[in-house]
Amino acid sequence: RGRGDGWEAVRQAVEVIVHVERFR
């Protein structure tokens, strides 16, 4: 839906980190 910076970008990074299985 576009580009984001700051809090919105780090919020998305947090969501991806907690939903991606490491080493898989």
mmCIF file of all heavy atoms, coordinates in Angstrom:
data_MODEL
# 
_entry.id   MODEL 
# 
loop_
_atom_site.group_PDB 
_atom_site.id 
_atom_site.type_symbol 
_atom_site.label_atom_id 
_atom_site.label_alt_id 
_atom_site.label_comp_id 
_atom_site.label_asym_id 
_atom_site.label_entity_id 
_atom_site.label_seq_id 
_atom_site.pdbx_PDB_ins_code 
_atom_site.Cartn_x 
_atom_site.Cartn_y 
_atom_site.Cartn_z 
_atom_site.occupancy 
_atom_site.B_iso_or_equiv 
_atom_site.pdbx_formal_charge 
_atom_site.auth_seq_id 
_atom_site.auth_comp_id 
_atom_site.auth_asym_id 
_atom_site.auth_atom_id 
_atom_site.pdbx_PDB_model_num 
ATOM 1   N N   . ARG A 1 1  ? 0.813  -1.207  0.000  1.00 0.00 ? 1  ARG A N   1 
ATOM 2   C CA  . ARG A 1 1  ? 0.000  0.000   0.000  1.00 0.00 ? 1  ARG A CA  1 
ATOM 3   C C   . ARG A 1 1  ? 0.850  1.262   0.000  1.00 0.00 ? 1  ARG A C   1 
ATOM 4   O O   . ARG A 1 1  ? 0.361  2.351   0.260  1.00 0.00 ? 1  ARG A O   1 
ATOM 5   C CB  . ARG A 1 1  ? -0.966 0.012   1.173  1.00 0.00 ? 1  ARG A CB  1 
ATOM 6   C CG  . ARG A 1 1  ? -0.344 0.005   2.530  1.00 0.00 ? 1  ARG A CG  1 
ATOM 7   C CD  . ARG A 1 1  ? -1.456 0.162   3.583  1.00 0.00 ? 1  ARG A CD  1 
ATOM 8   N NE  . ARG A 1 1  ? -0.983 -0.170  4.893  1.00 0.00 ? 1  ARG A NE  1 
ATOM 9   C CZ  . ARG A 1 1  ? -0.392 0.698   5.704  1.00 0.00 ? 1  ARG A CZ  1 
ATOM 10  N NH1 . ARG A 1 1  ? -0.192 1.928   5.333  1.00 0.00 ? 1  ARG A NH1 1 
ATOM 11  N NH2 . ARG A 1 1  ? 0.009  0.313   6.897  1.00 0.00 ? 1  ARG A NH2 1 
ATOM 12  N N   . GLY A 1 2  ? 2.114  1.122   -0.266 1.00 0.00 ? 2  GLY A N   1 
ATOM 13  C CA  . GLY A 1 2  ? 2.994  2.287   -0.314 1.00 0.00 ? 2  GLY A CA  1 
ATOM 14  C C   . GLY A 1 2  ? 4.233  2.058   0.533  1.00 0.00 ? 2  GLY A C   1 
ATOM 15  O O   . GLY A 1 2  ? 4.530  0.936   0.928  1.00 0.00 ? 2  GLY A O   1 
ATOM 16  N N   . ARG A 1 3  ? 4.939  3.137   0.778  1.00 0.00 ? 3  ARG A N   1 
ATOM 17  C CA  . ARG A 1 3  ? 6.160  3.039   1.566  1.00 0.00 ? 3  ARG A CA  1 
ATOM 18  C C   . ARG A 1 3  ? 5.948  3.673   2.919  1.00 0.00 ? 3  ARG A C   1 
ATOM 19  O O   . ARG A 1 3  ? 5.171  4.604   3.070  1.00 0.00 ? 3  ARG A O   1 
ATOM 20  C CB  . ARG A 1 3  ? 7.314  3.699   0.822  1.00 0.00 ? 3  ARG A CB  1 
ATOM 21  C CG  . ARG A 1 3  ? 7.580  2.966   -0.470 1.00 0.00 ? 3  ARG A CG  1 
ATOM 22  C CD  . ARG A 1 3  ? 8.749  3.379   -1.283 1.00 0.00 ? 3  ARG A CD  1 
ATOM 23  N NE  . ARG A 1 3  ? 9.365  4.644   -1.031 1.00 0.00 ? 3  ARG A NE  1 
ATOM 24  C CZ  . ARG A 1 3  ? 10.528 4.999   -1.545 1.00 0.00 ? 3  ARG A CZ  1 
ATOM 25  N NH1 . ARG A 1 3  ? 11.170 4.176   -2.332 1.00 0.00 ? 3  ARG A NH1 1 
ATOM 26  N NH2 . ARG A 1 3  ? 11.049 6.164   -1.299 1.00 0.00 ? 3  ARG A NH2 1 
ATOM 27  N N   . GLY A 1 4  ? 6.648  3.134   3.898  1.00 0.00 ? 4  GLY A N   1 
ATOM 28  C CA  . GLY A 1 4  ? 6.546  3.661   5.251  1.00 0.00 ? 4  GLY A CA  1 
ATOM 29  C C   . GLY A 1 4  ? 7.918  3.763   5.885  1.00 0.00 ? 4  GLY A C   1 
ATOM 30  O O   . GLY A 1 4  ? 8.861  3.095   5.476  1.00 0.00 ? 4  GLY A O   1 
ATOM 31  N N   . ASP A 1 5  ? 8.006  4.595   6.892  1.00 0.00 ? 5  ASP A N   1 
ATOM 32  C CA  . ASP A 1 5  ? 9.266  4.833   7.584  1.00 0.00 ? 5  ASP A CA  1 
ATOM 33  C C   . ASP A 1 5  ? 8.975  4.932   9.074  1.00 0.00 ? 5  ASP A C   1 
ATOM 34  O O   . ASP A 1 5  ? 7.830  5.019   9.496  1.00 0.00 ? 5  ASP A O   1 
ATOM 35  C CB  . ASP A 1 5  ? 9.883  6.133   7.065  1.00 0.00 ? 5  ASP A CB  1 
ATOM 36  C CG  . ASP A 1 5  ? 11.352 6.277   7.406  1.00 0.00 ? 5  ASP A CG  1 
ATOM 37  O OD1 . ASP A 1 5  ? 11.943 5.314   7.936  1.00 0.00 ? 5  ASP A OD1 1 
ATOM 38  O OD2 . ASP A 1 5  ? 11.929 7.354   7.154  1.00 0.00 ? 5  ASP A OD2 1 
ATOM 39  N N   . GLY A 1 6  ? 9.993  4.905   9.886  1.00 0.00 ? 6  GLY A N   1 
ATOM 40  C CA  . GLY A 1 6  ? 9.844  5.108   11.322 1.00 0.00 ? 6  GLY A CA  1 
ATOM 41  C C   . GLY A 1 6  ? 9.085  3.987   11.999 1.00 0.00 ? 6  GLY A C   1 
ATOM 42  O O   . GLY A 1 6  ? 9.368  2.812   11.802 1.00 0.00 ? 6  GLY A O   1 
ATOM 43  N N   . TRP A 1 7  ? 8.095  4.372   12.821 1.00 0.00 ? 7  TRP A N   1 
ATOM 44  C CA  . TRP A 1 7  ? 7.361  3.399   13.629 1.00 0.00 ? 7  TRP A CA  1 
ATOM 45  C C   . TRP A 1 7  ? 6.659  2.365   12.767 1.00 0.00 ? 7  TRP A C   1 
ATOM 46  O O   . TRP A 1 7  ? 6.653  1.181   13.093 1.00 0.00 ? 7  TRP A O   1 
ATOM 47  C CB  . TRP A 1 7  ? 6.343  4.111   14.527 1.00 0.00 ? 7  TRP A CB  1 
ATOM 48  C CG  . TRP A 1 7  ? 5.659  3.172   15.459 1.00 0.00 ? 7  TRP A CG  1 
ATOM 49  C CD1 . TRP A 1 7  ? 6.122  2.761   16.677 1.00 0.00 ? 7  TRP A CD1 1 
ATOM 50  C CD2 . TRP A 1 7  ? 4.420  2.485   15.266 1.00 0.00 ? 7  TRP A CD2 1 
ATOM 51  N NE1 . TRP A 1 7  ? 5.244  1.865   17.245 1.00 0.00 ? 7  TRP A NE1 1 
ATOM 52  C CE2 . TRP A 1 7  ? 4.188  1.679   16.395 1.00 0.00 ? 7  TRP A CE2 1 
ATOM 53  C CE3 . TRP A 1 7  ? 3.498  2.467   14.238 1.00 0.00 ? 7  TRP A CE3 1 
ATOM 54  C CZ2 . TRP A 1 7  ? 3.069  0.878   16.527 1.00 0.00 ? 7  TRP A CZ2 1 
ATOM 55  C CZ3 . TRP A 1 7  ? 2.373  1.667   14.374 1.00 0.00 ? 7  TRP A CZ3 1 
ATOM 56  C CH2 . TRP A 1 7  ? 2.174  0.886   15.508 1.00 0.00 ? 7  TRP A CH2 1 
ATOM 57  N N   . GLU A 1 8  ? 6.062  2.786   11.665 1.00 0.00 ? 8  GLU A N   1 
ATOM 58  C CA  . GLU A 1 8  ? 5.338  1.853   10.800 1.00 0.00 ? 8  GLU A CA  1 
ATOM 59  C C   . GLU A 1 8  ? 6.270  0.803   10.199 1.00 0.00 ? 8  GLU A C   1 
ATOM 60  O O   . GLU A 1 8  ? 5.936  -0.377  10.123 1.00 0.00 ? 8  GLU A O   1 
ATOM 61  C CB  . GLU A 1 8  ? 4.618  2.617   9.688  1.00 0.00 ? 8  GLU A CB  1 
ATOM 62  C CG  . GLU A 1 8  ? 3.660  1.758   8.891  1.00 0.00 ? 8  GLU A CG  1 
ATOM 63  C CD  . GLU A 1 8  ? 2.854  2.565   7.897  1.00 0.00 ? 8  GLU A CD  1 
ATOM 64  O OE1 . GLU A 1 8  ? 3.317  3.612   7.415  1.00 0.00 ? 8  GLU A OE1 1 
ATOM 65  O OE2 . GLU A 1 8  ? 1.733  2.121   7.616  1.00 0.00 ? 8  GLU A OE2 1 
ATOM 66  N N   . ALA A 1 9  ? 7.458  1.199   9.806  1.00 0.00 ? 9  ALA A N   1 
ATOM 67  C CA  . ALA A 1 9  ? 8.423  0.263   9.236  1.00 0.00 ? 9  ALA A CA  1 
ATOM 68  C C   . ALA A 1 9  ? 8.926  -0.724  10.287 1.00 0.00 ? 9  ALA A C   1 
ATOM 69  O O   . ALA A 1 9  ? 9.052  -1.923  10.022 1.00 0.00 ? 9  ALA A O   1 
ATOM 70  C CB  . ALA A 1 9  ? 9.596  1.020   8.616  1.00 0.00 ? 9  ALA A CB  1 
ATOM 71  N N   . VAL A 1 10 ? 9.208  -0.239  11.497 1.00 0.00 ? 10 VAL A N   1 
ATOM 72  C CA  . VAL A 1 10 ? 9.707  -1.142  12.538 1.00 0.00 ? 10 VAL A CA  1 
ATOM 73  C C   . VAL A 1 10 ? 8.585  -2.044  13.049 1.00 0.00 ? 10 VAL A C   1 
ATOM 74  O O   . VAL A 1 10 ? 8.817  -3.198  13.405 1.00 0.00 ? 10 VAL A O   1 
ATOM 75  C CB  . VAL A 1 10 ? 10.416 -0.365  13.670 1.00 0.00 ? 10 VAL A CB  1 
ATOM 76  C CG1 . VAL A 1 10 ? 9.444  0.267   14.622 1.00 0.00 ? 10 VAL A CG1 1 
ATOM 77  C CG2 . VAL A 1 10 ? 11.358 -1.271  14.435 1.00 0.00 ? 10 VAL A CG2 1 
ATOM 78  N N   . ARG A 1 11 ? 7.342  -1.568  13.054 1.00 0.00 ? 11 ARG A N   1 
ATOM 79  C CA  . ARG A 1 11 ? 6.200  -2.412  13.434 1.00 0.00 ? 11 ARG A CA  1 
ATOM 80  C C   . ARG A 1 11 ? 6.085  -3.597  12.478 1.00 0.00 ? 11 ARG A C   1 
ATOM 81  O O   . ARG A 1 11 ? 5.908  -4.728  12.880 1.00 0.00 ? 11 ARG A O   1 
ATOM 82  C CB  . ARG A 1 11 ? 4.893  -1.608  13.416 1.00 0.00 ? 11 ARG A CB  1 
ATOM 83  C CG  . ARG A 1 11 ? 3.675  -2.456  13.800 1.00 0.00 ? 11 ARG A CG  1 
ATOM 84  C CD  . ARG A 1 11 ? 2.374  -1.960  13.196 1.00 0.00 ? 11 ARG A CD  1 
ATOM 85  N NE  . ARG A 1 11 ? 2.403  -1.689  11.778 1.00 0.00 ? 11 ARG A NE  1 
ATOM 86  C CZ  . ARG A 1 11 ? 2.263  -2.625  10.825 1.00 0.00 ? 11 ARG A CZ  1 
ATOM 87  N NH1 . ARG A 1 11 ? 2.130  -3.879  11.132 1.00 0.00 ? 11 ARG A NH1 1 
ATOM 88  N NH2 . ARG A 1 11 ? 2.282  -2.281  9.555  1.00 0.00 ? 11 ARG A NH2 1 
ATOM 89  N N   . GLN A 1 12 ? 6.225  -3.321  11.180 1.00 0.00 ? 12 GLN A N   1 
ATOM 90  C CA  . GLN A 1 12 ? 6.162  -4.391  10.200 1.00 0.00 ? 12 GLN A CA  1 
ATOM 91  C C   . GLN A 1 12 ? 7.339  -5.353  10.363 1.00 0.00 ? 12 GLN A C   1 
ATOM 92  O O   . GLN A 1 12 ? 7.176  -6.570  10.261 1.00 0.00 ? 12 GLN A O   1 
ATOM 93  C CB  . GLN A 1 12 ? 6.136  -3.824  8.781  1.00 0.00 ? 12 GLN A CB  1 
ATOM 94  C CG  . GLN A 1 12 ? 6.087  -4.893  7.712  1.00 0.00 ? 12 GLN A CG  1 
ATOM 95  C CD  . GLN A 1 12 ? 5.867  -4.308  6.346  1.00 0.00 ? 12 GLN A CD  1 
ATOM 96  O OE1 . GLN A 1 12 ? 4.737  -4.077  5.974  1.00 0.00 ? 12 GLN A OE1 1 
ATOM 97  N NE2 . GLN A 1 12 ? 6.941  -4.081  5.606  1.00 0.00 ? 12 GLN A NE2 1 
ATOM 98  N N   . ALA A 1 13 ? 8.514  -4.831  10.652 1.00 0.00 ? 13 ALA A N   1 
ATOM 99  C CA  . ALA A 1 13 ? 9.685  -5.689  10.864 1.00 0.00 ? 13 ALA A CA  1 
ATOM 100 C C   . ALA A 1 13 ? 9.474  -6.605  12.062 1.00 0.00 ? 13 ALA A C   1 
ATOM 101 O O   . ALA A 1 13 ? 9.815  -7.794  12.015 1.00 0.00 ? 13 ALA A O   1 
ATOM 102 C CB  . ALA A 1 13 ? 10.935 -4.833  11.056 1.00 0.00 ? 13 ALA A CB  1 
ATOM 103 N N   . VAL A 1 14 ? 8.893  -6.085  13.133 1.00 0.00 ? 14 VAL A N   1 
ATOM 104 C CA  . VAL A 1 14 ? 8.612  -6.898  14.325 1.00 0.00 ? 14 VAL A CA  1 
ATOM 105 C C   . VAL A 1 14 ? 7.649  -8.021  13.964 1.00 0.00 ? 14 VAL A C   1 
ATOM 106 O O   . VAL A 1 14 ? 7.861  -9.185  14.328 1.00 0.00 ? 14 VAL A O   1 
ATOM 107 C CB  . VAL A 1 14 ? 8.044  -6.023  15.467 1.00 0.00 ? 14 VAL A CB  1 
ATOM 108 C CG1 . VAL A 1 14 ? 7.426  -6.877  16.557 1.00 0.00 ? 14 VAL A CG1 1 
ATOM 109 C CG2 . VAL A 1 14 ? 9.131  -5.132  16.031 1.00 0.00 ? 14 VAL A CG2 1 
ATOM 110 N N   . GLU A 1 15 ? 6.589  -7.711  13.232 1.00 0.00 ? 15 GLU A N   1 
ATOM 111 C CA  . GLU A 1 15 ? 5.612  -8.727  12.852 1.00 0.00 ? 15 GLU A CA  1 
ATOM 112 C C   . GLU A 1 15 ? 6.247  -9.816  11.994 1.00 0.00 ? 15 GLU A C   1 
ATOM 113 O O   . GLU A 1 15 ? 5.967  -11.000 12.161 1.00 0.00 ? 15 GLU A O   1 
ATOM 114 C CB  . GLU A 1 15 ? 4.425  -8.095  12.121 1.00 0.00 ? 15 GLU A CB  1 
ATOM 115 C CG  . GLU A 1 15 ? 3.552  -7.252  13.006 1.00 0.00 ? 15 GLU A CG  1 
ATOM 116 C CD  . GLU A 1 15 ? 2.944  -8.027  14.169 1.00 0.00 ? 15 GLU A CD  1 
ATOM 117 O OE1 . GLU A 1 15 ? 2.513  -9.179  13.971 1.00 0.00 ? 15 GLU A OE1 1 
ATOM 118 O OE2 . GLU A 1 15 ? 2.927  -7.492  15.284 1.00 0.00 ? 15 GLU A OE2 1 
ATOM 119 N N   . VAL A 1 16 ? 7.103  -9.428  11.074 1.00 0.00 ? 16 VAL A N   1 
ATOM 120 C CA  . VAL A 1 16 ? 7.758  -10.417 10.221 1.00 0.00 ? 16 VAL A CA  1 
ATOM 121 C C   . VAL A 1 16 ? 8.722  -11.271 11.047 1.00 0.00 ? 16 VAL A C   1 
ATOM 122 O O   . VAL A 1 16 ? 8.752  -12.502 10.905 1.00 0.00 ? 16 VAL A O   1 
ATOM 123 C CB  . VAL A 1 16 ? 8.486  -9.732  9.044  1.00 0.00 ? 16 VAL A CB  1 
ATOM 124 C CG1 . VAL A 1 16 ? 9.308  -10.734 8.253  1.00 0.00 ? 16 VAL A CG1 1 
ATOM 125 C CG2 . VAL A 1 16 ? 7.483  -9.045  8.128  1.00 0.00 ? 16 VAL A CG2 1 
ATOM 126 N N   . ILE A 1 17 ? 9.482  -10.661 11.925 1.00 0.00 ? 17 ILE A N   1 
ATOM 127 C CA  . ILE A 1 17 ? 10.453 -11.409 12.736 1.00 0.00 ? 17 ILE A CA  1 
ATOM 128 C C   . ILE A 1 17 ? 9.762  -12.455 13.596 1.00 0.00 ? 17 ILE A C   1 
ATOM 129 O O   . ILE A 1 17 ? 10.230 -13.585 13.706 1.00 0.00 ? 17 ILE A O   1 
ATOM 130 C CB  . ILE A 1 17 ? 11.303 -10.448 13.597 1.00 0.00 ? 17 ILE A CB  1 
ATOM 131 C CG1 . ILE A 1 17 ? 12.270 -9.663  12.711 1.00 0.00 ? 17 ILE A CG1 1 
ATOM 132 C CG2 . ILE A 1 17 ? 12.067 -11.205 14.672 1.00 0.00 ? 17 ILE A CG2 1 
ATOM 133 C CD1 . ILE A 1 17 ? 12.973 -8.520  13.408 1.00 0.00 ? 17 ILE A CD1 1 
ATOM 134 N N   . VAL A 1 18 ? 8.619  -12.119 14.211 1.00 0.00 ? 18 VAL A N   1 
ATOM 135 C CA  . VAL A 1 18 ? 7.958  -13.079 15.097 1.00 0.00 ? 18 VAL A CA  1 
ATOM 136 C C   . VAL A 1 18 ? 7.158  -14.128 14.339 1.00 0.00 ? 18 VAL A C   1 
ATOM 137 O O   . VAL A 1 18 ? 6.754  -15.132 14.929 1.00 0.00 ? 18 VAL A O   1 
ATOM 138 C CB  . VAL A 1 18 ? 7.059  -12.399 16.159 1.00 0.00 ? 18 VAL A CB  1 
ATOM 139 C CG1 . VAL A 1 18 ? 7.869  -11.475 17.034 1.00 0.00 ? 18 VAL A CG1 1 
ATOM 140 C CG2 . VAL A 1 18 ? 5.888  -11.680 15.531 1.00 0.00 ? 18 VAL A CG2 1 
ATOM 141 N N   . HIS A 1 19 ? 6.931  -13.933 13.037 1.00 0.00 ? 19 HIS A N   1 
ATOM 142 C CA  . HIS A 1 19 ? 6.172  -14.917 12.277 1.00 0.00 ? 19 HIS A CA  1 
ATOM 143 C C   . HIS A 1 19 ? 7.023  -15.740 11.310 1.00 0.00 ? 19 HIS A C   1 
ATOM 144 O O   . HIS A 1 19 ? 6.494  -16.606 10.609 1.00 0.00 ? 19 HIS A O   1 
ATOM 145 C CB  . HIS A 1 19 ? 5.037  -14.236 11.522 1.00 0.00 ? 19 HIS A CB  1 
ATOM 146 C CG  . HIS A 1 19 ? 3.941  -13.794 12.432 1.00 0.00 ? 19 HIS A CG  1 
ATOM 147 N ND1 . HIS A 1 19 ? 3.826  -12.493 12.867 1.00 0.00 ? 19 HIS A ND1 1 
ATOM 148 C CD2 . HIS A 1 19 ? 2.942  -14.471 13.026 1.00 0.00 ? 19 HIS A CD2 1 
ATOM 149 C CE1 . HIS A 1 19 ? 2.794  -12.395 13.668 1.00 0.00 ? 19 HIS A CE1 1 
ATOM 150 N NE2 . HIS A 1 19 ? 2.238  -13.580 13.800 1.00 0.00 ? 19 HIS A NE2 1 
ATOM 151 N N   . VAL A 1 20 ? 8.315  -15.470 11.251 1.00 0.00 ? 20 VAL A N   1 
ATOM 152 C CA  . VAL A 1 20 ? 9.207  -16.243 10.384 1.00 0.00 ? 20 VAL A CA  1 
ATOM 153 C C   . VAL A 1 20 ? 9.996  -17.222 11.245 1.00 0.00 ? 20 VAL A C   1 
ATOM 154 O O   . VAL A 1 20 ? 10.655 -16.818 12.205 1.00 0.00 ? 20 VAL A O   1 
ATOM 155 C CB  . VAL A 1 20 ? 10.163 -15.320 9.598  1.00 0.00 ? 20 VAL A CB  1 
ATOM 156 C CG1 . VAL A 1 20 ? 11.263 -16.107 8.928  1.00 0.00 ? 20 VAL A CG1 1 
ATOM 157 C CG2 . VAL A 1 20 ? 9.387  -14.507 8.583  1.00 0.00 ? 20 VAL A CG2 1 
ATOM 158 N N   . GLU A 1 21 ? 9.906  -18.485 10.907 1.00 0.00 ? 21 GLU A N   1 
ATOM 159 C CA  . GLU A 1 21 ? 10.652 -19.526 11.618 1.00 0.00 ? 21 GLU A CA  1 
ATOM 160 C C   . GLU A 1 21 ? 12.119 -19.431 11.200 1.00 0.00 ? 21 GLU A C   1 
ATOM 161 O O   . GLU A 1 21 ? 12.450 -19.536 10.016 1.00 0.00 ? 21 GLU A O   1 
ATOM 162 C CB  . GLU A 1 21 ? 10.095 -20.904 11.269 1.00 0.00 ? 21 GLU A CB  1 
ATOM 163 C CG  . GLU A 1 21 ? 10.855 -22.048 11.863 1.00 0.00 ? 21 GLU A CG  1 
ATOM 164 C CD  . GLU A 1 21 ? 10.469 -22.337 13.305 1.00 0.00 ? 21 GLU A CD  1 
ATOM 165 O OE1 . GLU A 1 21 ? 9.328  -22.079 13.691 1.00 0.00 ? 21 GLU A OE1 1 
ATOM 166 O OE2 . GLU A 1 21 ? 11.350 -22.832 14.038 1.00 0.00 ? 21 GLU A OE2 1 
ATOM 167 N N   . ARG A 1 22 ? 12.987 -19.233 12.176 1.00 0.00 ? 22 ARG A N   1 
ATOM 168 C CA  . ARG A 1 22 ? 14.417 -19.103 11.917 1.00 0.00 ? 22 ARG A CA  1 
ATOM 169 C C   . ARG A 1 22 ? 14.980 -20.419 11.372 1.00 0.00 ? 22 ARG A C   1 
ATOM 170 O O   . ARG A 1 22 ? 14.572 -21.485 11.798 1.00 0.00 ? 22 ARG A O   1 
ATOM 171 C CB  . ARG A 1 22 ? 15.120 -18.739 13.217 1.00 0.00 ? 22 ARG A CB  1 
ATOM 172 C CG  . ARG A 1 22 ? 16.520 -18.258 13.033 1.00 0.00 ? 22 ARG A CG  1 
ATOM 173 C CD  . ARG A 1 22 ? 17.071 -17.855 14.384 1.00 0.00 ? 22 ARG A CD  1 
ATOM 174 N NE  . ARG A 1 22 ? 18.007 -16.774 14.220 1.00 0.00 ? 22 ARG A NE  1 
ATOM 175 C CZ  . ARG A 1 22 ? 18.459 -16.032 15.204 1.00 0.00 ? 22 ARG A CZ  1 
ATOM 176 N NH1 . ARG A 1 22 ? 18.057 -16.234 16.426 1.00 0.00 ? 22 ARG A NH1 1 
ATOM 177 N NH2 . ARG A 1 22 ? 19.322 -15.080 14.981 1.00 0.00 ? 22 ARG A NH2 1 
ATOM 178 N N   . PHE A 1 23 ? 15.893 -20.333 10.448 1.00 0.00 ? 23 PHE A N   1 
ATOM 179 C CA  . PHE A 1 23 ? 16.600 -21.456 9.819  1.00 0.00 ? 23 PHE A CA  1 
ATOM 180 C C   . PHE A 1 23 ? 15.714 -22.282 8.886  1.00 0.00 ? 23 PHE A C   1 
ATOM 181 O O   . PHE A 1 23 ? 16.150 -23.289 8.369  1.00 0.00 ? 23 PHE A O   1 
ATOM 182 C CB  . PHE A 1 23 ? 17.220 -22.407 10.858 1.00 0.00 ? 23 PHE A CB  1 
ATOM 183 C CG  . PHE A 1 23 ? 18.049 -21.718 11.900 1.00 0.00 ? 23 PHE A CG  1 
ATOM 184 C CD1 . PHE A 1 23 ? 17.694 -21.773 13.229 1.00 0.00 ? 23 PHE A CD1 1 
ATOM 185 C CD2 . PHE A 1 23 ? 19.183 -21.009 11.551 1.00 0.00 ? 23 PHE A CD2 1 
ATOM 186 C CE1 . PHE A 1 23 ? 18.449 -21.151 14.198 1.00 0.00 ? 23 PHE A CE1 1 
ATOM 187 C CE2 . PHE A 1 23 ? 19.951 -20.370 12.517 1.00 0.00 ? 23 PHE A CE2 1 
ATOM 188 C CZ  . PHE A 1 23 ? 19.580 -20.442 13.836 1.00 0.00 ? 23 PHE A CZ  1 
ATOM 189 N N   . ARG A 1 24 ? 14.452 -21.896 8.662  1.00 0.00 ? 24 ARG A N   1 
ATOM 190 C CA  . ARG A 1 24 ? 13.562 -22.697 7.820  1.00 0.00 ? 24 ARG A CA  1 
ATOM 191 C C   . ARG A 1 24 ? 13.542 -22.228 6.374  1.00 0.00 ? 24 ARG A C   1 
ATOM 192 O O   . ARG A 1 24 ? 13.451 -23.032 5.466  1.00 0.00 ? 24 ARG A O   1 
ATOM 193 C CB  . ARG A 1 24 ? 12.152 -22.698 8.371  1.00 0.00 ? 24 ARG A CB  1 
ATOM 194 C CG  . ARG A 1 24 ? 11.195 -23.524 7.494  1.00 0.00 ? 24 ARG A CG  1 
ATOM 195 C CD  . ARG A 1 24 ? 9.859  -23.669 8.087  1.00 0.00 ? 24 ARG A CD  1 
ATOM 196 N NE  . ARG A 1 24 ? 9.910  -24.675 9.133  1.00 0.00 ? 24 ARG A NE  1 
ATOM 197 C CZ  . ARG A 1 24 ? 8.886  -24.992 9.890  1.00 0.00 ? 24 ARG A CZ  1 
ATOM 198 N NH1 . ARG A 1 24 ? 7.733  -24.388 9.722  1.00 0.00 ? 24 ARG A NH1 1 
ATOM 199 N NH2 . ARG A 1 24 ? 8.993  -25.908 10.815 1.00 0.00 ? 24 ARG A NH2 1 
# 
